[in-house]
Amino acid sequence: MASIPFQSIVESKMVQFIIGPEQKEFLVYSGAITSLSRPLNRLLTGHMKEALEGRVVWDDIDEGTFVRFLQWAYTGDYTDLDPEIEIQHEPSLSGASVSSVPGQTDETEGPVIEDSDAQLPAEELGTEPKTERPVALTSVEASSLSYMAQLYEEVGCSKCYWSHHPGFDRTECRNCNGIFYLGHCPNCPYKYSNRCMMCDTPVTQEQMAAQFICMSPGPPGRCHLEARKNVKEYEGYSEIFLSHARLYVLADKYDIPRLLDLAIYKLWATLKDFKPYPRHFDDIATLILYAFCAFSEMAEGNKMCDMLVLYSACIFKEFQNARAFKHLVEEAPLFAYGLMRKVSERFC
């Protein structure tokens, strides 16, 4: 629906929203909500109970999600969360303990390595201090999909990842001599090309990463486009992932296209540069399980769920060994089915 003047919003009547299981109360200008979509307009201005009482109960939405929803409704964007910093303390007689400090981003704080050799200087050991390396390639930067995509120049523009192309030039596949189309990126002077549809060559991990980059939903409006990158293995991203996914589910439920586009773009941008350290495979599994449970039988063909299947296929070799992966496959059979089909492109 079209946006309305701000004066019309502040002159509209107030409506009470009761949020979450704790029944937190929020007073909101109805004009800020009714202009977002037809379902919300009917909810607050029609003959439904909510409109007559001026009171809406959303007990299935948590407080943080609703606050971000309101922020977007008033400003057109919402603030991204900071990662949860996990601090690993010295082990005691009862064993090691791990605590989380939400929002802490001081990179000088980090996990204490529990190996006995870790207390000795690196030069005395003759080796570098032990750290948990990202999966995929040997370089720290190589683990993110955006980096892997740069290693393959056949799918999408390897320079700027622009995937919207007005025209192509016919050319031959160097693997099977089939015809496919070579294009020129309109956003930068680099060339890119689509994978040959006639060639049976298995898709490599780098090719699949490039496919993920090329599926960019595109930055909507004037939102903040840069997603924060995880630079340390002790940065937890579960709540960051879920914050975007929950808004996507809310936008889908109440048919809010602009919020739908923004949430899926921010989730894509975050995953694109996320370095999947093994200790945070649980973060990825939690996100996927939430998405597939939220859409249930409608998950197949859903834009967010399809994106998560492709992402999982990109990191499948490492992800399949995570403890959370088995539980995920058991709890989300549609995810398992979609992943099986996508992974077959890499190994068949």
Protein backbone atom coordinates (compact mmCIF):
# COMPACT_ATOMS: atom_id res chain seq x y z
CA MET A 1 0.00 0.00 0.00
CA ALA A 2 1.10 3.59 -0.60
CA SER A 3 2.72 5.50 2.25
CA ILE A 4 0.76 8.28 3.93
CA PRO A 5 1.94 11.70 5.19
CA PHE A 6 3.51 11.64 8.64
CA GLN A 7 0.99 14.18 9.89
CA SER A 8 -1.81 11.77 9.06
CA ILE A 9 -0.08 9.14 11.16
CA VAL A 10 0.29 11.27 14.29
CA GLU A 11 -3.28 12.52 13.93
CA SER A 12 -4.66 8.98 13.81
CA LYS A 13 -6.13 7.27 16.86
CA MET A 14 -4.01 5.16 19.17
CA VAL A 15 -4.38 1.40 19.23
CA GLN A 16 -3.13 -0.95 21.93
CA PHE A 17 -0.97 -3.95 20.99
CA ILE A 18 -0.51 -6.78 23.50
CA ILE A 19 2.70 -8.57 22.58
CA GLY A 20 4.15 -11.96 23.49
CA PRO A 21 3.39 -14.40 26.30
CA GLU A 22 4.27 -11.71 28.85
CA GLN A 23 1.48 -9.49 27.47
CA LYS A 24 3.68 -6.41 27.02
CA GLU A 25 1.55 -3.37 26.10
CA PHE A 26 2.39 -0.93 23.31
CA LEU A 27 0.39 2.12 22.23
CA VAL A 28 0.78 2.76 18.51
CA TYR A 29 -0.65 5.26 16.05
CA SER A 30 -3.08 3.24 13.96
CA GLY A 31 -2.15 5.21 10.84
CA ALA A 32 1.38 3.80 10.96
CA ILE A 33 -0.01 0.27 10.75
CA THR A 34 -3.07 0.54 8.52
CA SER A 35 -1.02 1.93 5.64
CA LEU A 36 1.27 -1.12 5.54
CA SER A 37 -1.07 -3.70 4.02
CA ARG A 38 -4.71 -4.48 3.33
CA PRO A 39 -4.93 -7.21 6.00
CA LEU A 40 -3.65 -4.80 8.65
CA ASN A 41 -5.96 -2.08 7.40
CA ARG A 42 -8.95 -4.41 7.74
CA LEU A 43 -7.74 -5.51 11.16
CA LEU A 44 -7.77 -1.96 12.55
CA THR A 45 -10.47 -0.17 10.57
CA GLY A 46 -13.04 -2.83 9.70
CA HIS A 47 -15.65 -4.60 11.77
CA MET A 48 -13.32 -7.07 13.43
CA LYS A 49 -13.02 -7.30 17.19
CA GLU A 50 -9.60 -5.63 17.16
CA ALA A 51 -10.93 -2.57 15.33
CA LEU A 52 -13.97 -2.22 17.58
CA GLU A 53 -11.99 -2.55 20.81
CA GLY A 54 -8.84 -0.74 19.66
CA ARG A 55 -6.83 -3.64 21.04
CA VAL A 56 -4.74 -6.22 19.18
CA VAL A 57 -3.27 -9.32 20.81
CA TRP A 58 -0.20 -10.80 19.11
CA ASP A 59 0.92 -13.39 21.63
CA ASP A 60 2.93 -15.32 19.03
CA ILE A 61 5.31 -12.41 18.36
CA ASP A 62 8.16 -11.60 20.73
CA GLU A 63 8.81 -8.10 22.00
CA GLY A 64 12.05 -7.58 20.06
CA THR A 65 10.43 -8.50 16.76
CA PHE A 66 7.53 -6.14 17.38
CA VAL A 67 9.86 -3.26 18.28
CA ARG A 68 11.80 -3.78 15.05
CA PHE A 69 8.51 -3.99 13.17
CA LEU A 70 7.44 -0.64 14.64
CA GLN A 71 10.82 0.90 13.88
CA TRP A 72 10.46 -0.16 10.27
CA ALA A 73 6.84 1.07 10.12
CA TYR A 74 7.89 4.54 11.26
CA THR A 75 11.29 4.88 9.54
CA GLY A 76 11.43 2.38 6.67
CA ASP A 77 14.32 0.43 8.20
CA TYR A 78 15.18 -1.45 11.39
CA THR A 79 18.38 -1.77 13.40
CA ASP A 80 20.38 -4.97 13.08
CA LEU A 81 21.29 -6.78 16.27
CA ASP A 82 24.85 -7.16 17.52
CA PRO A 83 26.29 -10.67 17.83
CA GLU A 84 26.20 -12.52 21.10
CA ILE A 85 29.73 -12.79 22.45
CA GLU A 86 30.53 -16.13 24.04
CA ILE A 87 33.25 -15.97 26.69
CA GLN A 88 34.84 -19.25 27.65
CA HIS A 89 36.21 -19.16 31.19
CA GLU A 90 39.06 -21.08 32.79
CA PRO A 91 38.00 -24.67 33.56
CA SER A 92 37.30 -25.44 37.21
CA LEU A 93 37.01 -28.73 39.06
CA SER A 94 33.44 -28.99 37.88
CA GLY A 95 34.43 -28.35 34.26
CA ALA A 96 34.48 -25.40 31.92
CA SER A 97 31.71 -22.86 31.87
CA VAL A 98 30.51 -20.72 29.01
CA SER A 99 28.62 -17.46 29.35
CA SER A 100 27.09 -15.15 26.79
CA VAL A 101 27.20 -11.38 26.74
CA PRO A 102 24.66 -10.03 24.21
CA GLY A 103 25.82 -6.99 22.28
CA GLN A 104 29.46 -7.13 23.38
CA THR A 105 31.71 -6.53 20.40
CA ASP A 106 35.11 -5.89 22.01
CA GLU A 107 37.42 -7.99 19.90
CA THR A 108 40.03 -8.08 22.68
CA GLU A 109 37.71 -10.37 24.63
CA GLY A 110 37.64 -13.96 23.51
CA PRO A 111 37.47 -17.57 24.52
CA VAL A 112 40.17 -18.92 26.81
CA ILE A 113 41.78 -21.91 25.13
CA GLU A 114 41.54 -24.89 27.42
CA ASP A 115 44.59 -26.82 26.18
CA SER A 116 47.40 -27.00 28.71
CA ASP A 117 49.84 -25.81 26.08
CA ALA A 118 47.78 -22.68 25.58
CA GLN A 119 49.29 -21.10 28.70
CA LEU A 120 52.76 -21.15 27.10
CA PRO A 121 53.89 -18.41 24.70
CA ALA A 122 53.67 -19.38 21.05
CA GLU A 123 57.39 -18.94 20.51
CA GLU A 124 58.15 -21.51 23.25
CA LEU A 125 55.90 -24.04 21.59
CA GLY A 126 57.40 -23.40 18.19
CA THR A 127 53.92 -23.07 16.68
CA GLU A 128 51.19 -20.50 16.29
CA PRO A 129 48.53 -20.35 19.05
CA LYS A 130 45.67 -22.75 18.41
CA THR A 131 42.52 -21.13 17.02
CA GLU A 132 39.36 -22.53 15.52
CA ARG A 133 39.54 -22.14 11.76
CA PRO A 134 36.54 -21.52 9.52
CA VAL A 135 35.39 -24.35 7.30
CA ALA A 136 35.65 -24.66 3.52
CA LEU A 137 38.99 -23.23 2.43
CA THR A 138 42.22 -22.61 4.33
CA SER A 139 41.98 -18.82 4.45
CA VAL A 140 39.76 -17.15 7.03
CA GLU A 141 38.27 -14.98 4.31
CA ALA A 142 37.72 -18.03 2.11
CA SER A 143 34.99 -19.47 4.29
CA SER A 144 32.28 -16.95 3.44
CA LEU A 145 30.17 -17.59 0.35
CA SER A 146 30.98 -14.16 -1.06
CA TYR A 147 34.66 -15.11 -1.08
CA MET A 148 34.10 -18.55 -2.58
CA ALA A 149 31.98 -17.00 -5.33
CA GLN A 150 34.94 -14.88 -6.39
CA LEU A 151 36.86 -18.08 -7.16
CA TYR A 152 34.36 -19.00 -9.83
CA GLU A 153 33.69 -16.56 -12.65
CA GLU A 154 31.04 -18.49 -14.54
CA VAL A 155 27.93 -17.63 -12.52
CA GLY A 156 27.12 -13.99 -11.90
CA CYS A 157 29.51 -11.07 -11.93
CA SER A 158 32.54 -12.08 -9.86
CA LYS A 159 33.42 -8.45 -9.21
CA CYS A 160 30.21 -6.92 -7.87
CA TYR A 161 27.76 -9.89 -7.79
CA TRP A 162 25.22 -8.01 -9.92
CA SER A 163 22.77 -10.60 -11.22
CA HIS A 164 20.29 -8.47 -13.16
CA HIS A 165 21.23 -8.53 -16.82
CA PRO A 166 19.46 -6.85 -19.76
CA GLY A 167 21.10 -8.90 -22.53
CA PHE A 168 23.48 -11.72 -23.38
CA ASP A 169 25.85 -12.90 -26.10
CA ARG A 170 25.63 -16.49 -27.34
CA THR A 171 28.73 -18.58 -26.72
CA GLU A 172 29.74 -22.24 -26.38
CA CYS A 173 30.30 -24.18 -23.17
CA ARG A 174 33.95 -25.19 -22.92
CA ASN A 175 32.89 -28.47 -21.28
CA CYS A 176 30.24 -29.79 -23.68
CA ASN A 177 30.13 -27.30 -26.59
CA GLY A 178 26.51 -26.51 -25.77
CA ILE A 179 25.21 -22.99 -26.28
CA PHE A 180 24.80 -20.67 -23.34
CA TYR A 181 24.85 -16.91 -22.90
CA LEU A 182 27.70 -14.67 -21.89
CA GLY A 183 26.73 -11.32 -20.50
CA HIS A 184 28.29 -8.06 -19.45
CA CYS A 185 27.55 -6.70 -16.01
CA PRO A 186 25.73 -3.34 -16.30
CA ASN A 187 27.04 -2.38 -12.87
CA CYS A 188 30.78 -2.76 -13.58
CA PRO A 189 33.03 -3.58 -16.57
CA TYR A 190 33.43 -7.28 -15.72
CA LYS A 191 31.89 -10.14 -17.68
CA TYR A 192 29.82 -12.93 -16.22
CA SER A 193 27.97 -15.91 -17.59
CA ASN A 194 25.27 -18.42 -16.78
CA ARG A 195 26.12 -22.09 -16.28
CA CYS A 196 25.52 -24.09 -19.41
CA MET A 197 22.14 -25.82 -19.12
CA MET A 198 23.26 -28.58 -21.52
CA CYS A 199 26.39 -29.50 -19.58
CA ASP A 200 26.28 -32.33 -17.03
CA THR A 201 29.43 -31.20 -15.23
CA PRO A 202 28.75 -31.32 -11.45
CA VAL A 203 28.39 -27.98 -9.72
CA THR A 204 31.39 -27.15 -7.54
CA GLN A 205 31.17 -25.57 -4.12
CA GLU A 206 32.39 -22.29 -5.60
CA GLN A 207 29.77 -22.43 -8.37
CA MET A 208 27.02 -23.05 -5.86
CA ALA A 209 28.28 -20.18 -3.72
CA ALA A 210 28.11 -17.99 -6.80
CA GLN A 211 24.51 -19.10 -7.35
CA PHE A 212 23.72 -17.96 -3.82
CA ILE A 213 25.34 -14.59 -4.47
CA CYS A 214 23.43 -14.20 -7.74
CA MET A 215 20.07 -14.86 -6.09
CA SER A 216 20.36 -11.52 -4.32
CA PRO A 217 16.84 -10.14 -3.77
CA GLY A 218 18.27 -6.66 -4.36
CA PRO A 219 18.48 -3.83 -1.82
CA PRO A 220 14.99 -2.38 -1.26
CA GLY A 221 14.47 1.34 -0.90
CA ARG A 222 16.97 3.38 1.08
CA CYS A 223 17.77 0.81 3.76
CA HIS A 224 21.18 0.35 5.33
CA LEU A 225 22.79 -2.16 3.00
CA GLU A 226 25.92 -3.30 4.83
CA ALA A 227 25.46 -6.38 7.00
CA ARG A 228 27.88 -6.85 9.86
CA LYS A 229 30.50 -9.55 9.24
CA ASN A 230 31.56 -12.00 11.93
CA VAL A 231 35.31 -11.72 12.45
CA LYS A 232 35.80 -13.98 15.47
CA GLU A 233 34.70 -17.55 16.12
CA TYR A 234 33.12 -16.65 19.46
CA GLU A 235 30.51 -14.33 17.90
CA GLY A 236 27.08 -15.94 18.07
CA TYR A 237 24.69 -15.09 15.21
CA SER A 238 21.59 -17.07 16.15
CA GLU A 239 19.54 -14.04 17.25
CA ILE A 240 20.75 -11.97 14.30
CA PHE A 241 19.56 -14.63 11.86
CA LEU A 242 16.27 -15.07 13.71
CA SER A 243 15.58 -11.32 13.89
CA HIS A 244 15.42 -11.15 10.09
CA ALA A 245 13.57 -14.45 9.74
CA ARG A 246 10.89 -13.51 12.28
CA LEU A 247 10.19 -10.23 10.50
CA TYR A 248 9.98 -12.13 7.21
CA VAL A 249 7.39 -14.49 8.71
CA LEU A 250 5.42 -11.55 10.13
CA ALA A 251 5.50 -9.76 6.79
CA ASP A 252 4.36 -12.90 4.98
CA LYS A 253 1.49 -13.44 7.42
CA TYR A 254 0.10 -9.92 7.02
CA ASP A 255 1.08 -9.43 3.36
CA ILE A 256 3.60 -6.60 3.81
CA PRO A 257 5.72 -6.76 0.62
CA ARG A 258 8.18 -3.99 1.51
CA LEU A 259 9.06 -5.55 4.86
CA LEU A 260 9.21 -8.97 3.23
CA ASP A 261 11.78 -7.70 0.73
CA LEU A 262 13.85 -5.92 3.36
CA ALA A 263 13.97 -8.85 5.78
CA ILE A 264 14.94 -11.41 3.12
CA TYR A 265 17.59 -9.07 1.74
CA LYS A 266 19.14 -8.49 5.16
CA LEU A 267 19.16 -12.21 5.89
CA TRP A 268 20.77 -12.94 2.52
CA ALA A 269 23.38 -10.20 3.05
CA THR A 270 24.22 -11.58 6.49
CA LEU A 271 24.56 -15.17 5.29
CA LYS A 272 26.58 -14.09 2.26
CA ASP A 273 29.48 -12.86 4.39
CA PHE A 274 28.99 -15.16 7.39
CA LYS A 275 31.99 -17.35 8.17
CA PRO A 276 30.51 -20.68 9.35
CA TYR A 277 32.79 -21.66 12.19
CA PRO A 278 31.96 -25.21 13.34
CA ARG A 279 31.01 -24.04 16.83
CA HIS A 280 28.24 -21.94 15.28
CA PHE A 281 26.62 -24.52 13.03
CA ASP A 282 23.92 -24.55 15.72
CA ASP A 283 23.12 -20.94 14.79
CA ILE A 284 22.48 -21.97 11.20
CA ALA A 285 20.46 -25.03 12.21
CA THR A 286 18.29 -22.95 14.56
CA LEU A 287 17.51 -20.51 11.76
CA ILE A 288 16.60 -23.26 9.30
CA LEU A 289 14.42 -25.13 11.78
CA TYR A 290 12.55 -21.93 12.65
CA ALA A 291 11.90 -21.11 8.99
CA PHE A 292 10.66 -24.57 8.03
CA CYS A 293 8.50 -24.88 11.14
CA ALA A 294 7.01 -21.43 10.54
CA PHE A 295 5.91 -22.29 7.00
CA SER A 296 5.30 -26.00 7.61
CA GLU A 297 3.77 -27.61 4.48
CA MET A 298 4.17 -24.31 2.60
CA ALA A 299 7.96 -24.29 3.07
CA GLU A 300 8.67 -25.85 -0.33
CA GLY A 301 8.81 -23.01 -2.81
CA ASN A 302 8.98 -20.34 -0.11
CA LYS A 303 11.65 -17.79 -0.96
CA MET A 304 13.37 -17.79 2.43
CA CYS A 305 13.27 -21.57 2.80
CA ASP A 306 14.64 -22.10 -0.71
CA MET A 307 17.45 -19.66 0.05
CA LEU A 308 18.35 -21.57 3.22
CA VAL A 309 18.40 -24.87 1.32
CA LEU A 310 20.83 -23.42 -1.20
CA TYR A 311 22.99 -21.97 1.57
CA SER A 312 23.11 -25.34 3.33
CA ALA A 313 24.09 -27.05 0.09
CA CYS A 314 26.99 -24.62 -0.25
CA ILE A 315 28.42 -25.68 3.12
CA PHE A 316 27.05 -29.24 3.11
CA LYS A 317 30.40 -31.04 3.32
CA GLU A 318 31.13 -29.41 6.68
CA PHE A 319 27.57 -28.87 7.90
CA GLN A 320 26.62 -32.56 7.67
CA ASN A 321 29.08 -33.42 10.44
CA ALA A 322 27.52 -31.02 12.95
CA ARG A 323 25.51 -32.49 15.82
CA ALA A 324 22.66 -30.10 15.07
CA PHE A 325 22.39 -31.33 11.48
CA LYS A 326 20.93 -34.74 12.37
CA HIS A 327 18.28 -33.15 14.58
CA LEU A 328 17.48 -30.65 11.83
CA VAL A 329 16.96 -33.38 9.24
CA GLU A 330 14.69 -35.31 11.62
CA GLU A 331 12.57 -32.28 12.54
CA ALA A 332 12.32 -30.67 9.10
CA PRO A 333 11.79 -33.38 6.43
CA LEU A 334 10.99 -30.83 3.72
CA PHE A 335 14.35 -29.22 4.34
CA ALA A 336 16.05 -32.61 4.11
CA TYR A 337 14.25 -33.34 0.83
CA GLY A 338 15.15 -29.97 -0.68
CA LEU A 339 18.75 -30.27 0.46
CA MET A 340 19.07 -33.77 -1.02
CA ARG A 341 17.92 -32.49 -4.41
CA LYS A 342 20.21 -29.48 -4.30
CA VAL A 343 23.27 -31.40 -3.09
CA SER A 344 22.81 -33.92 -5.91
CA GLU A 345 23.79 -31.12 -8.30
CA ARG A 346 27.24 -31.08 -6.71
CA PHE A 347 27.93 -34.79 -6.72
CA CYS A 348 25.93 -36.25 -9.64
